[in-house]
Amino acid sequence: MYGVLWGGVAGFLIGIYRAALFKVLIFCVVCAVGVILFAILAIVFGIAFVVARDIQRWRDQTEFLEDIMQVLGDKEQN
């Protein structure tokens, strides 16, 4: 074996320490996955917001251009 075999109270404490360390490691991995998923969702919703804003801007510009065309058409008739 490598090192000293721990027994008694020391072995018990080392076992508890290992179990706690393993639980902390699992917690960290779960938190990291949650942060990654949150970041992905934030990016998706950010892109959706920008696209929706651009579409609304294009609609407003189209309506403005249609109004200008209407005014120019009315002037040509007069």
PDB file of N, CA and C in Angstrom:
ATOM      1  N   MET A   1       0.820  -1.180   0.000  1.00  0.00           N
ATOM      2  CA  MET A   1       0.000   0.000   0.000  1.00  0.00           C
ATOM      3  C   MET A   1       0.868   1.249   0.000  1.00  0.00           C
ATOM      4  N   TYR A   2       0.286   2.321  -0.434  1.00  0.00           N
ATOM      5  CA  TYR A   2       0.978   3.595  -0.408  1.00  0.00           C
ATOM      6  C   TYR A   2       0.638   4.322   0.874  1.00  0.00           C
ATOM      7  N   GLY A   3       1.606   4.801   1.589  1.00  0.00           N
ATOM      8  CA  GLY A   3       1.353   5.590   2.778  1.00  0.00           C
ATOM      9  C   GLY A   3       0.929   4.744   3.952  1.00  0.00           C
ATOM     10  N   VAL A   4       0.318   5.390   4.927  1.00  0.00           N
ATOM     11  CA  VAL A   4      -0.080   4.742   6.170  1.00  0.00           C
ATOM     12  C   VAL A   4      -1.560   4.417   6.103  1.00  0.00           C
ATOM     13  N   LEU A   5      -1.911   3.249   6.564  1.00  0.00           N
ATOM     14  CA  LEU A   5      -3.330   2.903   6.650  1.00  0.00           C
ATOM     15  C   LEU A   5      -3.909   3.588   7.881  1.00  0.00           C
ATOM     16  N   TRP A   6      -4.933   4.377   7.664  1.00  0.00           N
ATOM     17  CA  TRP A   6      -5.530   5.110   8.768  1.00  0.00           C
ATOM     18  C   TRP A   6      -6.636   4.282   9.378  1.00  0.00           C
ATOM     19  N   GLY A   7      -6.659   4.252  10.665  1.00  0.00           N
ATOM     20  CA  GLY A   7      -7.701   3.501  11.357  1.00  0.00           C
ATOM     21  C   GLY A   7      -8.226   4.300  12.526  1.00  0.00           C
ATOM     22  N   GLY A   8      -9.214   3.794  13.149  1.00  0.00           N
ATOM     23  CA  GLY A   8      -9.764   4.425  14.338  1.00  0.00           C
ATOM     24  C   GLY A   8     -10.395   5.774  14.035  1.00  0.00           C
ATOM     25  N   VAL A   9     -10.194   6.711  14.931  1.00  0.00           N
ATOM     26  CA  VAL A   9     -10.799   8.030  14.833  1.00  0.00           C
ATOM     27  C   VAL A   9     -10.262   8.789  13.636  1.00  0.00           C
ATOM     28  N   ALA A  10      -8.956   8.702  13.378  1.00  0.00           N
ATOM     29  CA  ALA A  10      -8.361   9.406  12.241  1.00  0.00           C
ATOM     30  C   ALA A  10      -8.967   8.913  10.931  1.00  0.00           C
ATOM     31  N   GLY A  11      -9.117   7.626  10.794  1.00  0.00           N
ATOM     32  CA  GLY A  11      -9.728   7.074   9.581  1.00  0.00           C
ATOM     33  C   GLY A  11     -11.165   7.524   9.420  1.00  0.00           C
ATOM     34  N   PHE A  12     -11.886   7.556  10.541  1.00  0.00           N
ATOM     35  CA  PHE A  12     -13.277   8.008  10.512  1.00  0.00           C
ATOM     36  C   PHE A  12     -13.352   9.467  10.058  1.00  0.00           C
ATOM     37  N   LEU A  13     -12.479  10.313  10.610  1.00  0.00           N
ATOM     38  CA  LEU A  13     -12.485  11.726  10.243  1.00  0.00           C
ATOM     39  C   LEU A  13     -12.068  11.926   8.787  1.00  0.00           C
ATOM     40  N   ILE A  14     -11.106  11.161   8.350  1.00  0.00           N
ATOM     41  CA  ILE A  14     -10.691  11.268   6.946  1.00  0.00           C
ATOM     42  C   ILE A  14     -11.826  10.818   6.033  1.00  0.00           C
ATOM     43  N   GLY A  15     -12.568   9.791   6.421  1.00  0.00           N
ATOM     44  CA  GLY A  15     -13.721   9.336   5.637  1.00  0.00           C
ATOM     45  C   GLY A  15     -14.791  10.411   5.542  1.00  0.00           C
ATOM     46  N   ILE A  16     -15.055  11.075   6.670  1.00  0.00           N
ATOM     47  CA  ILE A  16     -16.032  12.170   6.666  1.00  0.00           C
ATOM     48  C   ILE A  16     -15.541  13.315   5.789  1.00  0.00           C
ATOM     49  N   TYR A  17     -14.245  13.623   5.905  1.00  0.00           N
ATOM     50  CA  TYR A  17     -13.664  14.699   5.097  1.00  0.00           C
ATOM     51  C   TYR A  17     -13.781  14.377   3.610  1.00  0.00           C
ATOM     52  N   ARG A  18     -13.467  13.141   3.243  1.00  0.00           N
ATOM     53  CA  ARG A  18     -13.571  12.742   1.822  1.00  0.00           C
ATOM     54  C   ARG A  18     -15.009  12.837   1.329  1.00  0.00           C
ATOM     55  N   ALA A  19     -15.958  12.370   2.136  1.00  0.00           N
ATOM     56  CA  ALA A  19     -17.372  12.426   1.741  1.00  0.00           C
ATOM     57  C   ALA A  19     -17.827  13.875   1.587  1.00  0.00           C
ATOM     58  N   ALA A  20     -17.410  14.738   2.528  1.00  0.00           N
ATOM     59  CA  ALA A  20     -17.795  16.143   2.444  1.00  0.00           C
ATOM     60  C   ALA A  20     -17.158  16.797   1.226  1.00  0.00           C
ATOM     61  N   LEU A  21     -15.892  16.468   0.969  1.00  0.00           N
ATOM     62  CA  LEU A  21     -15.209  17.023  -0.189  1.00  0.00           C
ATOM     63  C   LEU A  21     -15.888  16.584  -1.483  1.00  0.00           C
ATOM     64  N   PHE A  22     -16.309  15.328  -1.543  1.00  0.00           N
ATOM     65  CA  PHE A  22     -17.006  14.817  -2.716  1.00  0.00           C
ATOM     66  C   PHE A  22     -18.338  15.535  -2.902  1.00  0.00           C
ATOM     67  N   LYS A  23     -19.065  15.773  -1.812  1.00  0.00           N
ATOM     68  CA  LYS A  23     -20.342  16.487  -1.910  1.00  0.00           C
ATOM     69  C   LYS A  23     -20.129  17.930  -2.367  1.00  0.00           C
ATOM     70  N   VAL A  24     -19.083  18.567  -1.873  1.00  0.00           N
ATOM     71  CA  VAL A  24     -18.774  19.933  -2.305  1.00  0.00           C
ATOM     72  C   VAL A  24     -18.414  19.945  -3.782  1.00  0.00           C
ATOM     73  N   LEU A  25     -17.664  18.945  -4.229  1.00  0.00           N
ATOM     74  CA  LEU A  25     -17.305  18.846  -5.648  1.00  0.00           C
ATOM     75  C   LEU A  25     -18.550  18.684  -6.514  1.00  0.00           C
ATOM     76  N   ILE A  26     -19.465  17.815  -6.106  1.00  0.00           N
ATOM     77  CA  ILE A  26     -20.712  17.633  -6.861  1.00  0.00           C
ATOM     78  C   ILE A  26     -21.511  18.934  -6.882  1.00  0.00           C
ATOM     79  N   PHE A  27     -21.582  19.620  -5.736  1.00  0.00           N
ATOM     80  CA  PHE A  27     -22.298  20.897  -5.662  1.00  0.00           C
ATOM     81  C   PHE A  27     -21.684  21.917  -6.622  1.00  0.00           C
ATOM     82  N   CYS A  28     -20.362  21.979  -6.671  1.00  0.00           N
ATOM     83  CA  CYS A  28     -19.683  22.914  -7.574  1.00  0.00           C
ATOM     84  C   CYS A  28     -19.973  22.599  -9.037  1.00  0.00           C
ATOM     85  N   VAL A  29     -19.993  21.327  -9.380  1.00  0.00           N
ATOM     86  CA  VAL A  29     -20.288  20.936 -10.762  1.00  0.00           C
ATOM     87  C   VAL A  29     -21.726  21.306 -11.121  1.00  0.00           C
ATOM     88  N   VAL A  30     -22.649  21.047 -10.216  1.00  0.00           N
ATOM     89  CA  VAL A  30     -24.052  21.395 -10.465  1.00  0.00           C
ATOM     90  C   VAL A  30     -24.211  22.906 -10.616  1.00  0.00           C
ATOM     91  N   CYS A  31     -23.535  23.672  -9.760  1.00  0.00           N
ATOM     92  CA  CYS A  31     -23.608  25.130  -9.868  1.00  0.00           C
ATOM     93  C   CYS A  31     -22.998  25.619 -11.175  1.00  0.00           C
ATOM     94  N   ALA A  32     -21.894  25.018 -11.584  1.00  0.00           N
ATOM     95  CA  ALA A  32     -21.258  25.415 -12.840  1.00  0.00           C
ATOM     96  C   ALA A  32     -22.179  25.140 -14.025  1.00  0.00           C
ATOM     97  N   VAL A  33     -22.834  23.999 -14.012  1.00  0.00           N
ATOM     98  CA  VAL A  33     -23.774  23.680 -15.093  1.00  0.00           C
ATOM     99  C   VAL A  33     -24.932  24.679 -15.076  1.00  0.00           C
ATOM    100  N   GLY A  34     -25.423  25.028 -13.886  1.00  0.00           N
ATOM    101  CA  GLY A  34     -26.497  26.017 -13.791  1.00  0.00           C
ATOM    102  C   GLY A  34     -26.074  27.375 -14.326  1.00  0.00           C
ATOM    103  N   VAL A  35     -24.868  27.788 -14.014  1.00  0.00           N
ATOM    104  CA  VAL A  35     -24.373  29.077 -14.500  1.00  0.00           C
ATOM    105  C   VAL A  35     -24.243  29.048 -16.022  1.00  0.00           C
ATOM    106  N   ILE A  36     -23.753  27.950 -16.553  1.00  0.00           N
ATOM    107  CA  ILE A  36     -23.612  27.832 -18.013  1.00  0.00           C
ATOM    108  C   ILE A  36     -24.985  27.884 -18.683  1.00  0.00           C
ATOM    109  N   LEU A  37     -25.959  27.168 -18.144  1.00  0.00           N
ATOM    110  CA  LEU A  37     -27.310  27.197 -18.725  1.00  0.00           C
ATOM    111  C   LEU A  37     -27.922  28.590 -18.623  1.00  0.00           C
ATOM    112  N   PHE A  38     -27.706  29.265 -17.503  1.00  0.00           N
ATOM    113  CA  PHE A  38     -28.212  30.629 -17.346  1.00  0.00           C
ATOM    114  C   PHE A  38     -27.585  31.555 -18.382  1.00  0.00           C
ATOM    115  N   ALA A  39     -26.283  31.406 -18.605  1.00  0.00           N
ATOM    116  CA  ALA A  39     -25.602  32.243 -19.591  1.00  0.00           C
ATOM    117  C   ALA A  39     -26.141  31.975 -21.000  1.00  0.00           C
ATOM    118  N   ILE A  40     -26.387  30.715 -21.315  1.00  0.00           N
ATOM    119  CA  ILE A  40     -26.928  30.379 -22.637  1.00  0.00           C
ATOM    120  C   ILE A  40     -28.319  30.980 -22.808  1.00  0.00           C
ATOM    121  N   LEU A  41     -29.155  30.865 -21.779  1.00  0.00           N
ATOM    122  CA  LEU A  41     -30.495  31.446 -21.865  1.00  0.00           C
ATOM    123  C   LEU A  41     -30.435  32.965 -21.980  1.00  0.00           C
ATOM    124  N   ALA A  42     -29.514  33.585 -21.262  1.00  0.00           N
ATOM    125  CA  ALA A  42     -29.372  35.035 -21.350  1.00  0.00           C
ATOM    126  C   ALA A  42     -28.970  35.450 -22.763  1.00  0.00           C
ATOM    127  N   ILE A  43     -28.088  34.694 -23.386  1.00  0.00           N
ATOM    128  CA  ILE A  43     -27.675  35.004 -24.759  1.00  0.00           C
ATOM    129  C   ILE A  43     -28.844  34.837 -25.722  1.00  0.00           C
ATOM    130  N   VAL A  44     -29.598  33.757 -25.578  1.00  0.00           N
ATOM    131  CA  VAL A  44     -30.737  33.508 -26.473  1.00  0.00           C
ATOM    132  C   VAL A  44     -31.782  34.610 -26.327  1.00  0.00           C
ATOM    133  N   PHE A  45     -32.134  34.970 -25.078  1.00  0.00           N
ATOM    134  CA  PHE A  45     -33.133  36.013 -24.879  1.00  0.00           C
ATOM    135  C   PHE A  45     -32.603  37.375 -25.320  1.00  0.00           C
ATOM    136  N   GLY A  46     -31.312  37.611 -25.150  1.00  0.00           N
ATOM    137  CA  GLY A  46     -30.720  38.854 -25.631  1.00  0.00           C
ATOM    138  C   GLY A  46     -30.809  38.985 -27.133  1.00  0.00           C
ATOM    139  N   ILE A  47     -30.494  37.906 -27.833  1.00  0.00           N
ATOM    140  CA  ILE A  47     -30.591  37.915 -29.301  1.00  0.00           C
ATOM    141  C   ILE A  47     -32.041  38.105 -29.728  1.00  0.00           C
ATOM    142  N   ALA A  48     -32.968  37.416 -29.055  1.00  0.00           N
ATOM    143  CA  ALA A  48     -34.389  37.558 -29.398  1.00  0.00           C
ATOM    144  C   ALA A  48     -34.863  38.991 -29.180  1.00  0.00           C
ATOM    145  N   PHE A  49     -34.404  39.628 -28.114  1.00  0.00           N
ATOM    146  CA  PHE A  49     -34.787  41.012 -27.841  1.00  0.00           C
ATOM    147  C   PHE A  49     -34.264  41.942 -28.937  1.00  0.00           C
ATOM    148  N   VAL A  50     -33.015  41.763 -29.333  1.00  0.00           N
ATOM    149  CA  VAL A  50     -32.426  42.614 -30.375  1.00  0.00           C
ATOM    150  C   VAL A  50     -33.149  42.420 -31.700  1.00  0.00           C
ATOM    151  N   VAL A  51     -33.463  41.179 -32.050  1.00  0.00           N
ATOM    152  CA  VAL A  51     -34.163  40.912 -33.308  1.00  0.00           C
ATOM    153  C   VAL A  51     -35.559  41.525 -33.283  1.00  0.00           C
ATOM    154  N   ALA A  52     -36.274  41.377 -32.172  1.00  0.00           N
ATOM    155  CA  ALA A  52     -37.619  41.960 -32.068  1.00  0.00           C
ATOM    156  C   ALA A  52     -37.564  43.480 -32.171  1.00  0.00           C
ATOM    157  N   ARG A  53     -36.569  44.091 -31.535  1.00  0.00           N
ATOM    158  CA  ARG A  53     -36.417  45.551 -31.608  1.00  0.00           C
ATOM    159  C   ARG A  53     -36.117  45.997 -33.034  1.00  0.00           C
ATOM    160  N   ASP A  54     -35.256  45.262 -33.729  1.00  0.00           N
ATOM    161  CA  ASP A  54     -34.926  45.611 -35.112  1.00  0.00           C
ATOM    162  C   ASP A  54     -36.126  45.454 -36.034  1.00  0.00           C
ATOM    163  N   ILE A  55     -36.908  44.408 -35.825  1.00  0.00           N
ATOM    164  CA  ILE A  55     -38.109  44.208 -36.649  1.00  0.00           C
ATOM    165  C   ILE A  55     -39.086  45.357 -36.447  1.00  0.00           C
ATOM    166  N   GLN A  56     -39.269  45.778 -35.186  1.00  0.00           N
ATOM    167  CA  GLN A  56     -40.165  46.908 -34.923  1.00  0.00           C
ATOM    168  C   GLN A  56     -39.630  48.182 -35.567  1.00  0.00           C
ATOM    169  N   ARG A  57     -38.333  48.399 -35.531  1.00  0.00           N
ATOM    170  CA  ARG A  57     -37.737  49.580 -36.158  1.00  0.00           C
ATOM    171  C   ARG A  57     -37.960  49.534 -37.679  1.00  0.00           C
ATOM    172  N   TRP A  58     -37.794  48.359 -38.270  1.00  0.00           N
ATOM    173  CA  TRP A  58     -38.015  48.235 -39.716  1.00  0.00           C
ATOM    174  C   TRP A  58     -39.473  48.520 -40.075  1.00  0.00           C
ATOM    175  N   ARG A  59     -40.397  48.062 -39.224  1.00  0.00           N
ATOM    176  CA  ARG A  59     -41.817  48.342 -39.483  1.00  0.00           C
ATOM    177  C   ARG A  59     -42.090  49.851 -39.413  1.00  0.00           C
ATOM    178  N   ASP A  60     -41.515  50.502 -38.402  1.00  0.00           N
ATOM    179  CA  ASP A  60     -41.708  51.951 -38.275  1.00  0.00           C
ATOM    180  C   ASP A  60     -41.133  52.685 -39.483  1.00  0.00           C
ATOM    181  N   GLN A  61     -39.966  52.267 -39.933  1.00  0.00           N
ATOM    182  CA  GLN A  61     -39.354  52.911 -41.092  1.00  0.00           C
ATOM    183  C   GLN A  61     -40.179  52.657 -42.353  1.00  0.00           C
ATOM    184  N   THR A  62     -40.739  51.460 -42.480  1.00  0.00           N
ATOM    185  CA  THR A  62     -41.579  51.146 -43.639  1.00  0.00           C
ATOM    186  C   THR A  62     -42.831  52.013 -43.651  1.00  0.00           C
ATOM    187  N   GLU A  63     -43.448  52.163 -42.479  1.00  0.00           N
ATOM    188  CA  GLU A  63     -44.632  53.028 -42.403  1.00  0.00           C
ATOM    189  C   GLU A  63     -44.275  54.471 -42.742  1.00  0.00           C
ATOM    190  N   PHE A  64     -43.138  54.943 -42.278  1.00  0.00           N
ATOM    191  CA  PHE A  64     -42.700  56.298 -42.576  1.00  0.00           C
ATOM    192  C   PHE A  64     -42.482  56.476 -44.078  1.00  0.00           C
ATOM    193  N   LEU A  65     -41.825  55.493 -44.696  1.00  0.00           N
ATOM    194  CA  LEU A  65     -41.593  55.579 -46.144  1.00  0.00           C
ATOM    195  C   LEU A  65     -42.900  55.502 -46.928  1.00  0.00           C
ATOM    196  N   GLU A  66     -43.858  54.704 -46.446  1.00  0.00           N
ATOM    197  CA  GLU A  66     -45.155  54.640 -47.111  1.00  0.00           C
ATOM    198  C   GLU A  66     -45.869  55.984 -47.009  1.00  0.00           C
ATOM    199  N   ASP A  67     -45.763  56.649 -45.868  1.00  0.00           N
ATOM    200  CA  ASP A  67     -46.362  57.978 -45.709  1.00  0.00           C
ATOM    201  C   ASP A  67     -45.723  58.977 -46.671  1.00  0.00           C
ATOM    202  N   ILE A  68     -44.399  58.917 -46.796  1.00  0.00           N
ATOM    203  CA  ILE A  68     -43.714  59.823 -47.728  1.00  0.00           C
ATOM    204  C   ILE A  68     -44.154  59.556 -49.159  1.00  0.00           C
ATOM    205  N   MET A  69     -44.264  58.283 -49.525  1.00  0.00           N
ATOM    206  CA  MET A  69     -44.708  57.946 -50.882  1.00  0.00           C
ATOM    207  C   MET A  69     -46.130  58.457 -51.118  1.00  0.00           C
ATOM    208  N   GLN A  70     -46.973  58.374 -50.101  1.00  0.00           N
ATOM    209  CA  GLN A  70     -48.344  58.863 -50.228  1.00  0.00           C
ATOM    210  C   GLN A  70     -48.351  60.372 -50.448  1.00  0.00           C
ATOM    211  N   VAL A  71     -47.540  61.094 -49.677  1.00  0.00           N
ATOM    212  CA  VAL A  71     -47.462  62.551 -49.828  1.00  0.00           C
ATOM    213  C   VAL A  71     -46.935  62.916 -51.210  1.00  0.00           C
ATOM    214  N   LEU A  72     -45.903  62.224 -51.673  1.00  0.00           N
ATOM    215  CA  LEU A  72     -45.357  62.501 -53.010  1.00  0.00           C
ATOM    216  C   LEU A  72     -46.377  62.164 -54.096  1.00  0.00           C
ATOM    217  N   GLY A  73     -47.123  61.101 -53.898  1.00  0.00           N
ATOM    218  CA  GLY A  73     -48.156  60.750 -54.873  1.00  0.00           C
ATOM    219  C   GLY A  73     -49.259  61.786 -54.917  1.00  0.00           C
ATOM    220  N   ASP A  74     -49.627  62.341 -53.754  1.00  0.00           N
ATOM    221  CA  ASP A  74     -50.653  63.371 -53.699  1.00  0.00           C
ATOM    222  C   ASP A  74     -50.153  64.658 -54.388  1.00  0.00           C
ATOM    223  N   LYS A  75     -48.884  64.991 -54.235  1.00  0.00           N
ATOM    224  CA  LYS A  75     -48.342  66.190 -54.857  1.00  0.00           C
ATOM    225  C   LYS A  75     -48.310  66.047 -56.375  1.00  0.00           C
ATOM    226  N   GLU A  76     -48.035  64.840 -56.863  1.00  0.00           N
ATOM    227  CA  GLU A  76     -47.987  64.647 -58.316  1.00  0.00           C
ATOM    228  C   GLU A  76     -49.379  64.811 -58.914  1.00  0.00           C
ATOM    229  N   GLN A  77     -50.417  64.419 -58.175  1.00  0.00           N
ATOM    230  CA  GLN A  77     -51.773  64.521 -58.682  1.00  0.00           C
ATOM    231  C   GLN A  77     -52.223  65.981 -58.723  1.00  0.00           C
ATOM    232  N   ASN A  78     -51.700  66.815 -57.862  1.00  0.00           N
ATOM    233  CA  ASN A  78     -52.112  68.233 -57.823  1.00  0.00           C
ATOM    234  C   ASN A  78     -51.281  69.015 -58.757  1.00  0.00           C
TER     235      ASN A  78
END
